[in-house]
C-alpha atoms as a PDB file:
ATOM      1  CA  MET A   1     -63.849 -20.017   3.583  1.00  0.00           C
ATOM      2  CA  LYS A   2     -66.925 -19.923   5.789  1.00  0.00           C
ATOM      3  CA  TYR A   3     -69.573 -21.382   3.366  1.00  0.00           C
ATOM      4  CA  ASN A   4     -72.519 -21.159   6.150  1.00  0.00           C
ATOM      5  CA  VAL A   5     -71.724 -17.202   6.556  1.00  0.00           C
ATOM      6  CA  LEU A   6     -70.972 -16.680   2.917  1.00  0.00           C
ATOM      7  CA  LYS A   7     -73.440 -18.367   0.937  1.00  0.00           C
ATOM      8  CA  PRO A   8     -76.405 -16.631   2.436  1.00  0.00           C
ATOM      9  CA  LYS A   9     -74.818 -13.113   1.980  1.00  0.00           C
ATOM     10  CA  LEU A  10     -74.027 -14.138  -1.709  1.00  0.00           C
ATOM     11  CA  LEU A  11     -77.670 -15.308  -2.419  1.00  0.00           C
ATOM     12  CA  GLN A  12     -78.837 -12.018  -1.037  1.00  0.00           C
ATOM     13  CA  HIS A  13     -76.717  -9.907  -3.300  1.00  0.00           C
ATOM     14  CA  CYS A  14     -77.774 -12.055  -6.273  1.00  0.00           C
ATOM     15  CA  MET A  15     -81.356 -11.497  -5.148  1.00  0.00           C
ATOM     16  CA  THR A  16     -80.636  -7.792  -4.882  1.00  0.00           C
ATOM     17  CA  PHE A  17     -79.074  -7.845  -8.279  1.00  0.00           C
ATOM     18  CA  ALA A  18     -82.071  -9.554  -9.966  1.00  0.00           C
ATOM     19  CA  GLN A  19     -84.632  -7.138  -8.197  1.00  0.00           C
ATOM     20  CA  ALA A  20     -82.468  -4.026  -9.318  1.00  0.00           C
ATOM     21  CA  ARG A  21     -82.554  -5.189 -12.912  1.00  0.00           C
ATOM     22  CA  ILE A  22     -86.385  -5.839 -12.828  1.00  0.00           C
ATOM     23  CA  GLY A  23     -86.726  -2.375 -11.594  1.00  0.00           C
ATOM     24  CA  ARG A  24     -84.644  -0.910 -14.309  1.00  0.00           C
ATOM     25  CA  LEU A  25     -86.738  -2.939 -17.136  1.00  0.00           C
ATOM     26  CA  GLU A  26     -89.873  -2.098 -15.696  1.00  0.00           C
ATOM     27  CA  HIS A  27     -88.840   1.690 -15.830  1.00  0.00           C
ATOM     28  CA  ALA A  28     -87.609   1.266 -19.329  1.00  0.00           C
ATOM     29  CA  LEU A  29     -90.860  -0.638 -20.446  1.00  0.00           C
ATOM     30  CA  ASN A  30     -92.876   2.130 -18.997  1.00  0.00           C
ATOM     31  CA  GLU A  31     -91.061   4.660 -20.765  1.00  0.00           C
ATOM     32  CA  ALA A  32     -91.327   2.919 -24.048  1.00  0.00           C
ATOM     33  CA  GLN A  33     -94.946   2.575 -23.529  1.00  0.00           C
ATOM     34  CA  GLN A  34     -95.628   6.294 -22.854  1.00  0.00           C
ATOM     35  CA  ALA A  35     -93.500   7.187 -25.903  1.00  0.00           C
ATOM     36  CA  ALA A  36     -95.563   4.813 -27.913  1.00  0.00           C
ATOM     37  CA  ASN A  37     -98.483   6.523 -26.765  1.00  0.00           C
ATOM     38  CA  GLU A  38     -97.348  10.202 -27.283  1.00  0.00           C
ATOM     39  CA  GLN A  39     -96.440   9.003 -30.872  1.00  0.00           C
ATOM     40  CA  SER A  40     -99.830   7.559 -31.587  1.00  0.00           C
ATOM     41  CA  LYS A  41    -101.261  11.143 -30.912  1.00  0.00           C
ATOM     42  CA  SER A  42     -98.792  12.825 -33.484  1.00  0.00           C
ATOM     43  CA  SER A  43     -99.211  13.108 -37.227  1.00  0.00           C
ATOM     44  CA  ALA A  44     -99.722  10.342 -39.582  1.00  0.00           C
ATOM     45  CA  GLY A  45     -97.554   9.402 -42.622  1.00  0.00           C
ATOM     46  CA  ASP A  46     -94.867   6.836 -43.196  1.00  0.00           C
ATOM     47  CA  LYS A  47     -92.552   8.281 -40.690  1.00  0.00           C
ATOM     48  CA  TYR A  48     -95.434   7.705 -38.006  1.00  0.00           C
ATOM     49  CA  ASN A  49     -95.796   4.294 -39.049  1.00  0.00           C
ATOM     50  CA  THR A  50     -91.783   3.561 -38.859  1.00  0.00           C
ATOM     51  CA  ASP A  51     -91.833   5.317 -35.486  1.00  0.00           C
ATOM     52  CA  ARG A  52     -94.612   3.506 -34.109  1.00  0.00           C
ATOM     53  CA  ALA A  53     -93.362   0.123 -35.361  1.00  0.00           C
ATOM     54  CA  MET A  54     -89.842   0.878 -33.705  1.00  0.00           C
ATOM     55  CA  MET A  55     -91.462   1.773 -30.370  1.00  0.00           C
ATOM     56  CA  HIS A  56     -93.383  -1.475 -30.509  1.00  0.00           C
ATOM     57  CA  ILE A  57     -90.192  -3.455 -31.088  1.00  0.00           C
ATOM     58  CA  GLU A  58     -88.369  -1.580 -28.122  1.00  0.00           C
ATOM     59  CA  ARG A  59     -91.241  -2.227 -25.978  1.00  0.00           C
ATOM     60  CA  ASP A  60     -91.558  -5.822 -26.729  1.00  0.00           C
ATOM     61  CA  ASN A  61     -87.766  -6.151 -26.204  1.00  0.00           C
ATOM     62  CA  HIS A  62     -88.214  -4.582 -22.868  1.00  0.00           C
ATOM     63  CA  ALA A  63     -90.955  -7.099 -22.009  1.00  0.00           C
ATOM     64  CA  LYS A  64     -88.931 -10.065 -22.964  1.00  0.00           C
ATOM     65  CA  GLN A  65     -85.915  -8.921 -20.878  1.00  0.00           C
ATOM     66  CA  LEU A  66     -88.383  -8.239 -17.831  1.00  0.00           C
ATOM     67  CA  ALA A  67     -89.745 -11.817 -18.136  1.00  0.00           C
ATOM     68  CA  GLU A  68     -86.299 -13.109 -18.330  1.00  0.00           C
ATOM     69  CA  ALA A  69     -85.452 -11.030 -15.066  1.00  0.00           C
ATOM     70  CA  HIS A  70     -88.340 -12.517 -13.327  1.00  0.00           C
ATOM     71  CA  LEU A  71     -87.091 -15.878 -14.246  1.00  0.00           C
ATOM     72  CA  LEU A  72     -83.856 -15.193 -12.576  1.00  0.00           C
ATOM     73  CA  LEU A  73     -85.840 -14.473  -9.318  1.00  0.00           C
ATOM     74  CA  LYS A  74     -87.391 -17.930  -9.702  1.00  0.00           C
ATOM     75  CA  THR A  75     -84.219 -19.467 -10.232  1.00  0.00           C
ATOM     76  CA  LEU A  76     -82.782 -17.896  -7.061  1.00  0.00           C
ATOM     77  CA  ASP A  77     -85.778 -19.502  -5.074  1.00  0.00           C
ATOM     78  CA  LEU A  78     -84.271 -22.939  -5.909  1.00  0.00           C
ATOM     79  CA  VAL A  79     -80.865 -22.061  -4.164  1.00  0.00           C
ATOM     80  CA  GLN A  80     -80.618 -23.749  -0.775  1.00  0.00           C
ATOM     81  CA  VAL A  81     -77.817 -22.108   1.155  1.00  0.00           C
ATOM     82  CA  SER A  82     -78.105 -24.287   4.101  1.00  0.00           C
ATOM     83  CA  THR A  83     -77.133 -27.290   2.121  1.00  0.00           C
ATOM     84  CA  ILE A  84     -73.614 -28.391   2.027  1.00  0.00           C
ATOM     85  CA  HIS A  85     -72.893 -30.017  -1.472  1.00  0.00           C
ATOM     86  CA  THR A  86     -70.587 -32.906  -1.976  1.00  0.00           C
ATOM     87  CA  LYS A  87     -71.056 -32.373  -5.826  1.00  0.00           C
ATOM     88  CA  VAL A  88     -71.334 -29.160  -7.548  1.00  0.00           C
ATOM     89  CA  ASP A  89     -74.998 -28.056  -8.164  1.00  0.00           C
ATOM     90  CA  MET A  90     -77.153 -25.084  -7.672  1.00  0.00           C
ATOM     91  CA  GLY A  91     -76.444 -23.396  -4.550  1.00  0.00           C
ATOM     92  CA  SER A  92     -72.921 -24.693  -4.502  1.00  0.00           C
ATOM     93  CA  LEU A  93     -69.927 -22.511  -3.467  1.00  0.00           C
ATOM     94  CA  VAL A  94     -66.940 -23.864  -5.003  1.00  0.00           C
ATOM     95  CA  GLN A  95     -63.343 -22.862  -4.547  1.00  0.00           C
ATOM     96  CA  THR A  96     -61.149 -23.700  -7.512  1.00  0.00           C
ATOM     97  CA  SER A  97     -57.531 -23.213  -8.524  1.00  0.00           C
ATOM     98  CA  LEU A  98     -59.063 -20.912 -10.893  1.00  0.00           C
ATOM     99  CA  GLY A  99     -61.212 -18.694  -8.224  1.00  0.00           C
ATOM    100  CA  ASN A 100     -64.364 -19.120  -6.326  1.00  0.00           C
ATOM    101  CA  PHE A 101     -67.899 -19.511  -7.815  1.00  0.00           C
ATOM    102  CA  PHE A 102     -71.171 -19.449  -6.589  1.00  0.00           C
ATOM    103  CA  ILE A 103     -73.525 -21.487  -8.671  1.00  0.00           C
ATOM    104  CA  SER A 104     -77.018 -19.490  -8.886  1.00  0.00           C
ATOM    105  CA  ILE A 105     -77.417 -16.920 -11.568  1.00  0.00           C
ATOM    106  CA  SER A 106     -74.812 -14.985 -13.901  1.00  0.00           C
ATOM    107  CA  ALA A 107     -74.444 -11.899 -11.814  1.00  0.00           C
ATOM    108  CA  GLY A 108     -70.746 -11.238 -12.338  1.00  0.00           C
ATOM    109  CA  LYS A 109     -67.928 -10.898  -9.622  1.00  0.00           C
ATOM    110  CA  ILE A 110     -69.098 -10.131  -6.168  1.00  0.00           C
ATOM    111  CA  THR A 111     -66.685  -9.251  -2.995  1.00  0.00           C
ATOM    112  CA  LEU A 112     -67.933 -10.003   0.318  1.00  0.00           C
ATOM    113  CA  ASP A 113     -65.912 -10.291   3.364  1.00  0.00           C
ATOM    114  CA  GLY A 114     -62.584  -9.763   1.543  1.00  0.00           C
ATOM    115  CA  VAL A 115     -63.436 -12.770  -0.723  1.00  0.00           C
ATOM    116  CA  GLU A 116     -63.951 -12.410  -4.537  1.00  0.00           C
ATOM    117  CA  VAL A 117     -66.646 -14.840  -6.039  1.00  0.00           C
ATOM    118  CA  MET A 118     -67.948 -15.090  -9.413  1.00  0.00           C
ATOM    119  CA  ALA A 119     -71.865 -15.815  -9.556  1.00  0.00           C
ATOM    120  CA  VAL A 120     -72.471 -18.002 -12.466  1.00  0.00           C
ATOM    121  CA  SER A 121     -75.391 -20.132 -13.630  1.00  0.00           C
ATOM    122  CA  LEU A 122     -75.369 -23.590 -14.355  1.00  0.00           C
ATOM    123  CA  ALA A 123     -76.019 -23.012 -18.053  1.00  0.00           C
ATOM    124  CA  SER A 124     -72.817 -20.903 -18.250  1.00  0.00           C
ATOM    125  CA  PRO A 125     -69.579 -22.585 -19.829  1.00  0.00           C
ATOM    126  CA  ILE A 126     -68.221 -22.585 -16.237  1.00  0.00           C
ATOM    127  CA  GLY A 127     -71.261 -23.833 -14.818  1.00  0.00           C
ATOM    128  CA  GLN A 128     -71.427 -26.632 -17.108  1.00  0.00           C
ATOM    129  CA  GLN A 129     -67.908 -27.647 -16.611  1.00  0.00           C
ATOM    130  CA  LEU A 130     -68.101 -27.707 -12.936  1.00  0.00           C
ATOM    131  CA  THR A 131     -71.788 -29.602 -12.482  1.00  0.00           C
ATOM    132  CA  GLY A 132     -71.552 -32.674 -10.762  1.00  0.00           C
ATOM    133  CA  LYS A 133     -67.891 -32.584 -10.001  1.00  0.00           C
ATOM    134  CA  LYS A 134     -66.523 -33.027  -6.449  1.00  0.00           C
ATOM    135  CA  ALA A 135     -63.620 -31.644  -4.502  1.00  0.00           C
ATOM    136  CA  GLY A 136     -60.330 -32.890  -6.192  1.00  0.00           C
ATOM    137  CA  GLU A 137     -61.516 -33.250  -9.725  1.00  0.00           C
ATOM    138  CA  GLN A 138     -60.308 -31.476 -12.564  1.00  0.00           C
ATOM    139  CA  PHE A 139     -62.185 -29.208 -15.293  1.00  0.00           C
ATOM    140  CA  VAL A 140     -60.948 -27.551 -18.288  1.00  0.00           C
ATOM    141  CA  ILE A 141     -61.425 -23.846 -19.201  1.00  0.00           C
ATOM    142  CA  ASN A 142     -59.550 -22.309 -22.102  1.00  0.00           C
ATOM    143  CA  ALA A 143     -57.589 -25.172 -22.829  1.00  0.00           C
ATOM    144  CA  ARG A 144     -56.293 -25.007 -19.183  1.00  0.00           C
ATOM    145  CA  GLU A 145     -56.884 -27.593 -16.500  1.00  0.00           C
ATOM    146  CA  HIS A 146     -58.063 -26.392 -12.874  1.00  0.00           C
ATOM    147  CA  THR A 147     -59.003 -28.253  -9.890  1.00  0.00           C
ATOM    148  CA  ILE A 148     -61.677 -28.028  -7.501  1.00  0.00           C
ATOM    149  CA  LEU A 149     -60.220 -27.491  -4.293  1.00  0.00           C
ATOM    150  CA  GLN A 150     -63.275 -27.226  -1.839  1.00  0.00           C
ATOM    151  CA  LEU A 151     -67.069 -27.017  -2.095  1.00  0.00           C
ATOM    152  CA  GLY A 152     -69.952 -26.448  -0.012  1.00  0.00           C
END
């Protein structure tokens, strides 16, 4: 696996993933705000108060998710794709007997240049198992032992 070629592409994919999520959440937040504004113009009463409260909850949920999505982008700023890692850490591309992992953000399965890679965060269960380990070391997932074959 050509780490110096694949890592920048993986990082770009994760950036695009995070930016798309931000775009979707900003749109949803705007729609929730518009709905709340429209609802405030309608009639009063118990139903009005319940609807208004539900719209505020929805707007607040979107705002929280948006803040988390912005945090994903900040996390990706910490990824140094030019670094060749000797221990698994942020920005590592890890080849294991279980599969390939890019330690960055949880962005799911990515297929680039015919290589399948799971983008995972350090906080994920697999990220926690891999962190600090070197090539040749074992880790356990779902009660099965796996080996780190190579990392970069």
